[in-house]
Amino acid sequence: MDISRPATPEIVASLVTPSSAVGVIIVGDLAYLATVGDGLILVDISDPLAPVIFGSHATTGNAVGIDVSHGFVYIADNYSG
């Protein structure tokens, strides 16, 4: 979303993911998505008008939360912690 005019935010791009995203962390040009059913999805957002999925990692259950710190991704998974 373009929020340069806070009173009238505008959607400038969207991305269809294999399952619902329940959490997102942005670090630089990467968006890390925690998704229900597909675990971690990595999205290249270097071009905000054309986000691209470029990687993923399945978890054993449903990802319900996410954080990134010191080069590691931490995923809260409702079945596996």
C-alpha atoms as a PDB file:
ATOM      1  CA  MET A   1       0.000   0.000   0.000  1.00  0.00           C
ATOM      2  CA  ASP A   2       1.085   3.517  -0.735  1.00  0.00           C
ATOM      3  CA  ILE A   3       0.572   5.474   2.472  1.00  0.00           C
ATOM      4  CA  SER A   4       2.224   8.688   1.316  1.00  0.00           C
ATOM      5  CA  ARG A   5      -1.237  10.275   1.757  1.00  0.00           C
ATOM      6  CA  PRO A   6      -2.440   8.724   5.038  1.00  0.00           C
ATOM      7  CA  ALA A   7      -6.017   9.908   4.564  1.00  0.00           C
ATOM      8  CA  THR A   8      -6.278   7.998   1.266  1.00  0.00           C
ATOM      9  CA  PRO A   9      -4.051   4.878   1.293  1.00  0.00           C
ATOM     10  CA  GLU A  10      -3.841   3.148  -2.078  1.00  0.00           C
ATOM     11  CA  ILE A  11      -3.244  -0.497  -2.978  1.00  0.00           C
ATOM     12  CA  VAL A  12      -0.415  -0.556  -5.539  1.00  0.00           C
ATOM     13  CA  ALA A  13       0.202  -4.321  -5.756  1.00  0.00           C
ATOM     14  CA  SER A  14      -1.007  -7.630  -4.377  1.00  0.00           C
ATOM     15  CA  LEU A  15       0.176 -11.215  -4.359  1.00  0.00           C
ATOM     16  CA  VAL A  16      -1.792 -14.447  -4.275  1.00  0.00           C
ATOM     17  CA  THR A  17      -0.298 -16.921  -1.795  1.00  0.00           C
ATOM     18  CA  PRO A  18      -1.065 -20.664  -1.581  1.00  0.00           C
ATOM     19  CA  SER A  19      -2.709 -20.193   1.832  1.00  0.00           C
ATOM     20  CA  SER A  20      -3.708 -17.438   4.240  1.00  0.00           C
ATOM     21  CA  ALA A  21      -0.937 -15.321   5.725  1.00  0.00           C
ATOM     22  CA  VAL A  22      -1.283 -14.843   9.484  1.00  0.00           C
ATOM     23  CA  GLY A  23       1.942 -12.946  10.105  1.00  0.00           C
ATOM     24  CA  VAL A  24       4.500 -10.948   8.181  1.00  0.00           C
ATOM     25  CA  ILE A  25       7.931  -9.538   8.950  1.00  0.00           C
ATOM     26  CA  ILE A  26       9.773  -7.276   6.525  1.00  0.00           C
ATOM     27  CA  VAL A  27      13.567  -7.134   6.537  1.00  0.00           C
ATOM     28  CA  GLY A  28      15.084  -5.082   3.733  1.00  0.00           C
ATOM     29  CA  ASP A  29      13.722  -6.313   0.405  1.00  0.00           C
ATOM     30  CA  LEU A  30      12.286  -9.538   1.843  1.00  0.00           C
ATOM     31  CA  ALA A  31       8.879 -10.247   3.326  1.00  0.00           C
ATOM     32  CA  TYR A  32       8.677 -13.362   5.498  1.00  0.00           C
ATOM     33  CA  LEU A  33       5.128 -14.714   5.679  1.00  0.00           C
ATOM     34  CA  ALA A  34       3.789 -17.196   8.227  1.00  0.00           C
ATOM     35  CA  THR A  35       0.949 -19.030   6.504  1.00  0.00           C
ATOM     36  CA  VAL A  36      -1.737 -21.460   7.591  1.00  0.00           C
ATOM     37  CA  GLY A  37      -1.055 -24.670   5.708  1.00  0.00           C
ATOM     38  CA  ASP A  38       2.195 -23.778   3.946  1.00  0.00           C
ATOM     39  CA  GLY A  39       4.496 -22.582   6.736  1.00  0.00           C
ATOM     40  CA  LEU A  40       7.067 -19.993   5.659  1.00  0.00           C
ATOM     41  CA  ILE A  41       6.805 -18.146   2.352  1.00  0.00           C
ATOM     42  CA  LEU A  42       9.564 -15.743   1.256  1.00  0.00           C
ATOM     43  CA  VAL A  43       8.608 -12.821  -0.959  1.00  0.00           C
ATOM     44  CA  ASP A  44      10.973 -10.525  -2.848  1.00  0.00           C
ATOM     45  CA  ILE A  45       9.582  -7.011  -2.441  1.00  0.00           C
ATOM     46  CA  SER A  46      12.524  -5.147  -3.989  1.00  0.00           C
ATOM     47  CA  ASP A  47      10.030  -3.869  -6.581  1.00  0.00           C
ATOM     48  CA  PRO A  48       6.988  -2.858  -4.502  1.00  0.00           C
ATOM     49  CA  LEU A  49       4.827  -2.876  -7.637  1.00  0.00           C
ATOM     50  CA  ALA A  50       5.689  -6.510  -8.445  1.00  0.00           C
ATOM     51  CA  PRO A  51       6.218  -8.749  -5.387  1.00  0.00           C
ATOM     52  CA  VAL A  52       7.432 -12.278  -6.221  1.00  0.00           C
ATOM     53  CA  ILE A  53       7.382 -15.501  -4.187  1.00  0.00           C
ATOM     54  CA  PHE A  54      10.866 -16.987  -4.380  1.00  0.00           C
ATOM     55  CA  GLY A  55      11.017 -19.556  -1.620  1.00  0.00           C
ATOM     56  CA  SER A  56       9.106 -21.500   1.007  1.00  0.00           C
ATOM     57  CA  HIS A  57       9.481 -24.041   3.773  1.00  0.00           C
ATOM     58  CA  ALA A  58       6.613 -26.202   5.002  1.00  0.00           C
ATOM     59  CA  THR A  59       6.021 -26.645   8.716  1.00  0.00           C
ATOM     60  CA  THR A  60       4.378 -29.687  10.295  1.00  0.00           C
ATOM     61  CA  GLY A  61       1.285 -27.748  11.340  1.00  0.00           C
ATOM     62  CA  ASN A  62      -0.110 -24.281  10.846  1.00  0.00           C
ATOM     63  CA  ALA A  63       2.253 -21.357  11.251  1.00  0.00           C
ATOM     64  CA  VAL A  64       0.663 -18.805  13.565  1.00  0.00           C
ATOM     65  CA  GLY A  65       3.475 -16.327  14.167  1.00  0.00           C
ATOM     66  CA  ILE A  66       6.873 -15.287  12.838  1.00  0.00           C
ATOM     67  CA  ASP A  67       9.976 -13.305  13.754  1.00  0.00           C
ATOM     68  CA  VAL A  68      13.380 -12.741  12.171  1.00  0.00           C
ATOM     69  CA  SER A  69      16.525 -12.084  14.187  1.00  0.00           C
ATOM     70  CA  HIS A  70      20.265 -12.317  13.485  1.00  0.00           C
ATOM     71  CA  GLY A  71      19.813 -14.244  10.224  1.00  0.00           C
ATOM     72  CA  PHE A  72      17.297 -16.765  11.580  1.00  0.00           C
ATOM     73  CA  VAL A  73      13.550 -17.078  11.045  1.00  0.00           C
ATOM     74  CA  TYR A  74      11.489 -18.213  14.036  1.00  0.00           C
ATOM     75  CA  ILE A  75       8.052 -19.668  13.322  1.00  0.00           C
ATOM     76  CA  ALA A  76       5.400 -20.409  15.928  1.00  0.00           C
ATOM     77  CA  ASP A  77       3.600 -23.534  14.737  1.00  0.00           C
ATOM     78  CA  ASN A  78       0.408 -24.586  16.487  1.00  0.00           C
ATOM     79  CA  TYR A  79       1.388 -28.297  16.431  1.00  0.00           C
ATOM     80  CA  SER A  80       5.146 -28.174  16.781  1.00  0.00           C
ATOM     81  CA  GLY A  81       5.938 -25.099  18.863  1.00  0.00           C
END
